[in-house]
Amino acid sequence: MRLGVTPSVRAPVQPGRPAGTGGLRRRRRAGWKAAGPALAAASWPGLLYGHGGVGHEPLPFDALVSLFGMINWTFRVDIVLALALATGVYLTGWSRLRRQAEGAATLSGLALYLAGITALLAALVSPVDRLAAERLSMHMVQHILLLMVAPLGILLANPFAAMVWGLPAGVRERFAGLFRDGAPLRSALSALTFMPVAWTLYVVNLWAWHHPSLYQAALRHWWLHDFEHWLFFATAVFFWWPIVNAAPLFRPARPLGSRIVYLVAATLQNTLLGMAISLPERILYPLYGAVAGIEALSPIHDQALGGGIMWVSGHMYIIPILLLVARRLSAEDDAVNAASGSGDGGLALGPGRAAS
């Protein structure tokens, strides 16, 4: 069952009802509104988890674009509260750092972090989540948001310092202590973000969840689908961490060449997965084939489109490669300029120096 916005139902006026009961009804309605979150949690999992195996009336593909804004959002109390908490802690810490030193909390970092959180909301709460239950192509869009857009945005924001400073003073030291040398959590994260380990976890997890048996099991069971989504996001964070080198640093930055090979290998496997989904002329995921009312896009064409989206999305790994190369070239230019300025035979003199 999915929880959407439903029209309010007014009880018919009963004959003989006293005229003064309007205020009482209004107070009761206010009480129900205040109890909304508690009722949603109490109705778990039917209302709390809106992306289960129970379907809803399918929508024609040719109307998806025009109806996207009219589709009810999936109301997930747990996701909304978790992302709201993460955003609140970050904004609090960002504001505190900004007051101390403007360079410690940049506007670009704020924008990147909020973009990452927005990508998570779009993937897990927006109509993308509802349509993913009917369209493999939309499911691939959801996966791209979880694997590439959200983790990259959050890591590029380098949010660790802001998250630490956003915590209450009594919690801040204990939280920071989890990442000190020798701490079990730091040791575990250091192992998980080691490039061969991170790459293997990311790729194996991605391919495993696209196996027809596991994929369809996730469509049938909301709890398994949730587990899939969070595994996607977690392994993607591990995958991108050694590329972005966000704080806390678990090891020195890897050479540019190894990072480029790492991303090229990820591009190749993503392309192969897209081909494996789009090229077969049979339906890999029969649950999508059982959806009725699809005229503009048949299940096999939707599967080809979904595989094509995954195929093309592999080229998104090229963007970090270009950024890494551009940053390296810029650093080399700066080094050359600095060397030419200090070793030019006295043509460029610093303050107080005289030519001999």
Protein backbone atom coordinates (compact mmCIF):
# COMPACT_ATOMS: atom_id res chain seq x y z
CA MET A 1 0.00 0.00 0.00
CA ARG A 2 1.22 3.47 -0.77
CA LEU A 3 0.45 6.51 1.27
CA GLY A 4 -0.38 9.52 -0.84
CA VAL A 5 -2.42 12.66 -0.51
CA THR A 6 -6.04 11.63 -0.27
CA PRO A 7 -9.01 13.97 -0.44
CA SER A 8 -10.58 14.74 2.87
CA VAL A 9 -13.91 13.10 3.58
CA ARG A 10 -16.49 15.16 5.37
CA ALA A 11 -19.04 13.40 7.54
CA PRO A 12 -22.62 14.24 6.62
CA VAL A 13 -24.41 16.59 8.96
CA GLN A 14 -26.68 14.59 11.17
CA PRO A 15 -30.14 15.90 11.88
CA GLY A 16 -30.47 17.40 15.28
CA ARG A 17 -26.70 18.07 15.72
CA PRO A 18 -26.21 21.10 17.97
CA ALA A 19 -24.90 24.16 16.17
CA GLY A 20 -22.12 24.65 18.68
CA THR A 21 -20.32 21.43 17.76
CA GLY A 22 -18.34 23.08 14.90
CA GLY A 23 -15.59 24.23 17.26
CA LEU A 24 -15.37 20.77 18.77
CA ARG A 25 -14.98 19.20 15.31
CA ARG A 26 -12.25 21.69 14.44
CA ARG A 27 -10.39 20.87 17.66
CA ARG A 28 -10.68 17.17 16.91
CA ARG A 29 -9.35 17.66 13.39
CA ALA A 30 -6.41 19.62 14.79
CA GLY A 31 -5.70 16.78 17.20
CA TRP A 32 -5.71 14.23 14.38
CA LYS A 33 -3.29 16.38 12.36
CA ALA A 34 -0.95 16.64 15.32
CA ALA A 35 -1.07 12.87 15.76
CA GLY A 36 -0.34 12.21 12.07
CA PRO A 37 3.31 11.14 12.42
CA ALA A 38 2.51 8.85 15.34
CA LEU A 39 -0.35 7.22 13.41
CA ALA A 40 1.89 6.73 10.38
CA ALA A 41 4.50 4.98 12.51
CA ALA A 42 1.85 2.89 14.23
CA SER A 43 0.54 1.66 10.88
CA TRP A 44 3.94 0.14 9.95
CA PRO A 45 4.67 -1.16 7.41
CA GLY A 46 1.60 -0.40 5.34
CA LEU A 47 1.86 3.37 5.63
CA LEU A 48 5.34 3.91 6.94
CA TYR A 49 6.85 1.98 4.06
CA GLY A 50 5.24 3.05 0.84
CA HIS A 51 7.44 1.15 -1.63
CA GLY A 52 6.45 -2.44 -1.08
CA GLY A 53 5.36 -5.21 -3.37
CA VAL A 54 1.71 -4.11 -3.42
CA GLY A 55 1.07 -2.27 -6.65
CA HIS A 56 -1.21 0.54 -7.66
CA GLU A 57 -3.00 1.40 -10.88
CA PRO A 58 -0.35 1.68 -13.61
CA LEU A 59 0.20 4.87 -15.54
CA PRO A 60 0.69 4.97 -19.33
CA PHE A 61 4.31 5.73 -20.16
CA ASP A 62 3.41 8.47 -22.62
CA ALA A 63 1.73 10.39 -19.80
CA LEU A 64 4.54 10.09 -17.26
CA VAL A 65 6.14 13.42 -18.07
CA SER A 66 2.89 15.38 -17.93
CA LEU A 67 1.66 13.57 -14.82
CA PHE A 68 4.95 13.48 -12.92
CA GLY A 69 4.04 16.48 -10.83
CA MET A 70 0.58 15.05 -10.10
CA ILE A 71 1.75 11.68 -8.78
CA ASN A 72 1.55 11.36 -5.02
CA TRP A 73 4.91 11.33 -3.29
CA THR A 74 5.78 8.28 -1.25
CA PHE A 75 5.48 9.32 2.40
CA ARG A 76 8.30 7.70 4.34
CA VAL A 77 8.56 8.92 7.91
CA ASP A 78 11.86 7.16 8.53
CA ILE A 79 13.58 8.53 5.42
CA VAL A 80 12.28 12.07 5.83
CA LEU A 81 13.30 12.21 9.49
CA ALA A 82 16.76 10.71 8.82
CA LEU A 83 17.52 13.16 6.00
CA ALA A 84 16.07 16.07 7.97
CA LEU A 85 18.34 15.18 10.90
CA ALA A 86 21.40 14.91 8.65
CA THR A 87 20.56 18.25 7.04
CA GLY A 88 19.92 19.96 10.37
CA VAL A 89 23.20 18.78 11.89
CA TYR A 90 25.13 19.87 8.79
CA LEU A 91 23.50 23.30 8.61
CA THR A 92 24.15 23.91 12.31
CA GLY A 93 27.81 22.97 11.99
CA TRP A 94 28.20 24.89 8.71
CA SER A 95 26.82 28.04 10.35
CA ARG A 96 29.15 27.69 13.35
CA LEU A 97 32.19 27.21 11.12
CA ARG A 98 31.11 30.08 8.87
CA ARG A 99 31.04 32.45 11.85
CA GLN A 100 34.57 31.43 12.82
CA ALA A 101 36.18 31.58 9.39
CA GLU A 102 34.45 32.05 6.05
CA GLY A 103 36.86 29.68 4.30
CA ALA A 104 36.01 26.86 6.70
CA ALA A 105 32.44 26.64 5.39
CA THR A 106 31.97 27.53 1.74
CA LEU A 107 28.79 28.21 -0.19
CA SER A 108 29.84 25.65 -2.80
CA GLY A 109 30.14 23.00 -0.10
CA LEU A 110 26.69 23.90 1.19
CA ALA A 111 25.21 23.67 -2.31
CA LEU A 112 26.85 20.30 -2.98
CA TYR A 113 25.65 18.80 0.30
CA LEU A 114 22.08 19.98 -0.23
CA ALA A 115 22.22 18.65 -3.79
CA GLY A 116 23.22 15.23 -2.45
CA ILE A 117 20.39 15.23 0.11
CA THR A 118 17.95 16.36 -2.59
CA ALA A 119 19.08 13.46 -4.80
CA LEU A 120 18.33 11.03 -1.95
CA LEU A 121 14.89 12.56 -1.49
CA ALA A 122 14.23 12.33 -5.22
CA ALA A 123 15.29 8.69 -5.29
CA LEU A 124 13.45 7.49 -2.18
CA VAL A 125 10.46 9.77 -1.61
CA SER A 126 9.54 11.48 -4.88
CA PRO A 127 7.40 9.98 -7.68
CA VAL A 128 10.60 8.36 -8.97
CA ASP A 129 10.16 5.76 -6.23
CA ARG A 130 6.55 5.05 -7.17
CA LEU A 131 7.24 4.79 -10.88
CA ALA A 132 10.23 2.51 -10.24
CA ALA A 133 7.76 -0.17 -9.17
CA GLU A 134 6.26 -0.13 -12.70
CA ARG A 135 9.11 0.87 -15.00
CA LEU A 136 12.55 -0.68 -15.09
CA SER A 137 13.73 2.45 -16.88
CA MET A 138 12.65 4.63 -13.95
CA HIS A 139 14.23 2.12 -11.58
CA MET A 140 17.55 2.68 -13.34
CA VAL A 141 17.15 6.44 -12.84
CA GLN A 142 16.59 5.76 -9.15
CA HIS A 143 19.76 3.67 -8.99
CA ILE A 144 21.82 6.38 -10.70
CA LEU A 145 20.67 8.89 -8.09
CA LEU A 146 21.73 6.51 -5.30
CA LEU A 147 25.01 5.37 -6.88
CA MET A 148 26.39 8.53 -8.47
CA VAL A 149 24.57 11.77 -7.80
CA ALA A 150 23.84 11.59 -4.06
CA PRO A 151 27.14 10.13 -2.78
CA LEU A 152 29.25 12.35 -5.02
CA GLY A 153 27.41 15.50 -3.98
CA ILE A 154 27.76 14.73 -0.29
CA LEU A 155 31.42 13.69 -0.45
CA LEU A 156 32.43 16.65 -2.62
CA ALA A 157 30.94 18.91 0.07
CA ASN A 158 33.56 17.46 2.47
CA PRO A 159 31.00 17.56 5.29
CA PHE A 160 32.90 15.91 8.15
CA ALA A 161 33.96 19.10 9.95
CA ALA A 162 30.49 20.62 9.65
CA MET A 163 28.84 17.43 10.91
CA VAL A 164 31.15 17.32 13.94
CA TRP A 165 30.51 20.98 14.79
CA GLY A 166 26.80 20.53 14.29
CA LEU A 167 26.58 18.05 17.16
CA PRO A 168 25.93 19.05 20.77
CA ALA A 169 29.11 19.73 22.75
CA GLY A 170 28.67 16.61 24.89
CA VAL A 171 28.40 14.36 21.84
CA ARG A 172 30.97 16.09 19.64
CA GLU A 173 34.10 14.71 21.33
CA ARG A 174 32.78 11.16 21.49
CA PHE A 175 31.79 11.25 17.82
CA ALA A 176 35.16 12.64 16.72
CA GLY A 177 36.87 9.98 18.83
CA LEU A 178 35.35 7.27 16.64
CA PHE A 179 37.59 8.44 13.79
CA ARG A 180 40.89 8.77 15.69
CA ASP A 181 43.83 6.49 14.89
CA GLY A 182 43.30 3.02 16.28
CA ALA A 183 39.54 3.38 16.72
CA PRO A 184 37.60 0.32 15.43
CA LEU A 185 35.32 2.42 13.20
CA ARG A 186 38.27 4.18 11.59
CA SER A 187 39.99 0.86 10.96
CA ALA A 188 36.85 -0.57 9.36
CA LEU A 189 36.33 2.49 7.14
CA SER A 190 39.99 2.47 6.18
CA ALA A 191 39.61 -1.12 4.96
CA LEU A 192 36.30 -0.47 3.18
CA THR A 193 37.64 2.58 1.32
CA PHE A 194 40.84 0.82 0.18
CA MET A 195 40.52 1.09 -3.60
CA PRO A 196 40.51 -2.65 -4.53
CA VAL A 197 38.06 -3.41 -1.72
CA ALA A 198 35.77 -0.44 -2.44
CA TRP A 199 35.68 -1.20 -6.19
CA THR A 200 34.92 -4.88 -5.65
CA LEU A 201 32.15 -4.23 -3.11
CA TYR A 202 30.56 -1.63 -5.37
CA VAL A 203 30.58 -3.79 -8.51
CA VAL A 204 29.58 -7.08 -6.88
CA ASN A 205 26.71 -5.39 -5.04
CA LEU A 206 25.52 -3.67 -8.24
CA TRP A 207 25.51 -6.84 -10.33
CA ALA A 208 24.02 -9.02 -7.61
CA TRP A 209 20.95 -6.83 -7.17
CA HIS A 210 20.31 -6.86 -10.92
CA HIS A 211 20.14 -10.65 -11.02
CA PRO A 212 16.51 -11.48 -11.88
CA SER A 213 15.83 -13.55 -8.76
CA LEU A 214 17.18 -10.98 -6.30
CA TYR A 215 15.80 -8.03 -8.27
CA GLN A 216 12.26 -9.44 -8.26
CA ALA A 217 12.51 -10.42 -4.60
CA ALA A 218 13.32 -6.78 -3.82
CA LEU A 219 10.26 -5.67 -5.79
CA ARG A 220 8.04 -8.02 -3.80
CA HIS A 221 9.33 -7.17 -0.30
CA TRP A 222 9.62 -3.57 0.91
CA TRP A 223 12.23 -4.41 3.58
CA LEU A 224 14.51 -6.09 1.03
CA HIS A 225 14.11 -3.17 -1.35
CA ASP A 226 15.08 -0.77 1.44
CA PHE A 227 18.13 -2.90 2.19
CA GLU A 228 19.08 -2.79 -1.49
CA HIS A 229 18.81 1.00 -1.64
CA TRP A 230 20.94 1.60 1.43
CA LEU A 231 23.53 -0.93 0.25
CA PHE A 232 23.70 0.92 -3.05
CA PHE A 233 24.30 4.21 -1.28
CA ALA A 234 26.78 2.82 1.27
CA THR A 235 28.92 0.95 -1.27
CA ALA A 236 28.83 4.02 -3.53
CA VAL A 237 30.16 6.18 -0.68
CA PHE A 238 33.01 3.70 -0.18
CA PHE A 239 33.61 3.65 -3.95
CA TRP A 240 33.84 7.43 -4.37
CA TRP A 241 35.74 8.16 -1.13
CA PRO A 242 39.27 7.39 -2.46
CA ILE A 243 38.50 9.47 -5.57
CA VAL A 244 37.22 12.53 -3.72
CA ASN A 245 39.57 12.20 -0.70
CA ALA A 246 37.03 13.72 1.66
CA ALA A 247 37.80 14.07 5.36
CA PRO A 248 38.59 12.15 7.44
CA LEU A 249 41.51 10.91 5.36
CA PHE A 250 42.20 7.23 5.95
CA ARG A 251 45.31 7.05 3.76
CA PRO A 252 47.35 9.33 1.48
CA ALA A 253 45.81 10.30 -1.85
CA ARG A 254 46.35 7.71 -4.53
CA PRO A 255 48.29 8.61 -7.69
CA LEU A 256 46.29 10.12 -10.54
CA GLY A 257 46.97 7.14 -12.81
CA SER A 258 45.53 4.60 -10.39
CA ARG A 259 42.41 6.67 -9.87
CA ILE A 260 41.86 6.96 -13.62
CA VAL A 261 42.26 3.18 -14.08
CA TYR A 262 39.82 2.70 -11.18
CA LEU A 263 37.17 4.86 -12.88
CA VAL A 264 37.73 3.45 -16.37
CA ALA A 265 37.22 -0.06 -14.98
CA ALA A 266 33.98 1.13 -13.37
CA THR A 267 32.87 2.58 -16.71
CA LEU A 268 33.48 -0.74 -18.47
CA GLN A 269 31.54 -2.82 -15.96
CA ASN A 270 28.64 -0.36 -16.01
CA THR A 271 28.52 -0.57 -19.81
CA LEU A 272 28.52 -4.37 -19.68
CA LEU A 273 25.66 -4.37 -17.16
CA GLY A 274 23.63 -2.02 -19.36
CA MET A 275 24.22 -4.29 -22.35
CA ALA A 276 23.25 -7.37 -20.34
CA ILE A 277 19.91 -5.75 -19.51
CA SER A 278 19.05 -4.04 -22.80
CA LEU A 279 20.18 -6.56 -25.44
CA PRO A 280 18.27 -9.76 -24.51
CA GLU A 281 15.03 -10.14 -26.46
CA ARG A 282 13.25 -11.67 -23.50
CA ILE A 283 11.88 -10.13 -20.33
CA LEU A 284 14.40 -10.54 -17.52
CA TYR A 285 12.07 -9.34 -14.78
CA PRO A 286 8.58 -10.85 -15.28
CA LEU A 287 7.03 -8.66 -12.58
CA TYR A 288 7.33 -5.70 -14.96
CA GLY A 289 5.81 -7.78 -17.75
CA ALA A 290 2.78 -8.45 -15.56
CA VAL A 291 1.96 -4.74 -15.28
CA ALA A 292 -1.21 -4.07 -17.26
CA GLY A 293 -2.14 -1.00 -19.24
CA ILE A 294 1.19 -0.32 -20.94
CA GLU A 295 0.60 0.72 -24.51
CA ALA A 296 3.17 3.36 -25.44
CA LEU A 297 6.06 1.30 -24.07
CA SER A 298 5.96 -2.48 -23.89
CA PRO A 299 7.80 -4.32 -21.11
CA ILE A 300 10.57 -5.45 -23.45
CA HIS A 301 11.05 -1.89 -24.75
CA ASP A 302 11.03 -0.56 -21.19
CA GLN A 303 13.71 -3.12 -20.35
CA ALA A 304 15.79 -1.99 -23.35
CA LEU A 305 15.37 1.64 -22.28
CA GLY A 306 16.39 0.80 -18.70
CA GLY A 307 19.48 -1.04 -19.88
CA GLY A 308 20.27 1.86 -22.17
CA ILE A 309 20.06 4.29 -19.28
CA MET A 310 22.47 2.13 -17.27
CA TRP A 311 24.70 1.79 -20.34
CA VAL A 312 24.88 5.53 -20.99
CA SER A 313 25.23 6.37 -17.30
CA GLY A 314 28.58 4.60 -17.33
CA HIS A 315 29.95 7.63 -19.12
CA MET A 316 29.28 9.67 -15.99
CA TYR A 317 32.48 8.17 -14.61
CA ILE A 318 34.33 10.12 -17.30
CA ILE A 319 33.39 13.42 -15.63
CA PRO A 320 35.47 12.76 -12.46
CA ILE A 321 38.34 11.62 -14.69
CA LEU A 322 38.28 14.93 -16.56
CA LEU A 323 38.10 16.85 -13.29
CA LEU A 324 41.04 14.91 -11.84
CA VAL A 325 43.13 15.54 -14.96
CA ALA A 326 42.19 19.22 -14.99
CA ARG A 327 43.13 19.59 -11.33
CA ARG A 328 46.45 17.82 -11.87
CA LEU A 329 47.28 20.02 -14.88
CA SER A 330 46.39 23.12 -12.89
CA ALA A 331 48.62 22.00 -10.00
CA GLU A 332 51.47 21.31 -12.41
CA ASP A 333 51.07 24.75 -14.01
CA ASP A 334 51.19 26.36 -10.57
CA ALA A 335 54.33 24.39 -9.70
CA VAL A 336 56.01 25.38 -12.97
CA ASN A 337 55.13 29.03 -12.45
CA ALA A 338 56.42 28.95 -8.88
CA ALA A 339 59.66 27.28 -9.97
CA SER A 340 60.19 29.76 -12.80
CA GLY A 341 59.59 32.62 -10.42
CA SER A 342 62.17 31.45 -7.87
CA GLY A 343 64.80 30.04 -10.20
CA ASP A 344 65.00 32.55 -13.04
CA GLY A 345 68.46 33.89 -12.28
CA GLY A 346 67.23 36.82 -10.20
CA LEU A 347 64.71 38.20 -12.70
CA ALA A 348 61.86 37.71 -10.27
CA LEU A 349 62.91 39.00 -6.89
CA GLY A 350 61.03 38.77 -3.66
CA PRO A 351 60.65 41.70 -1.29
CA GLY A 352 63.93 42.97 0.07
CA ARG A 353 66.09 40.99 -2.36
CA ALA A 354 68.72 42.65 -4.49
CA ALA A 355 70.34 41.36 -7.63
CA SER A 356 73.90 40.32 -7.05
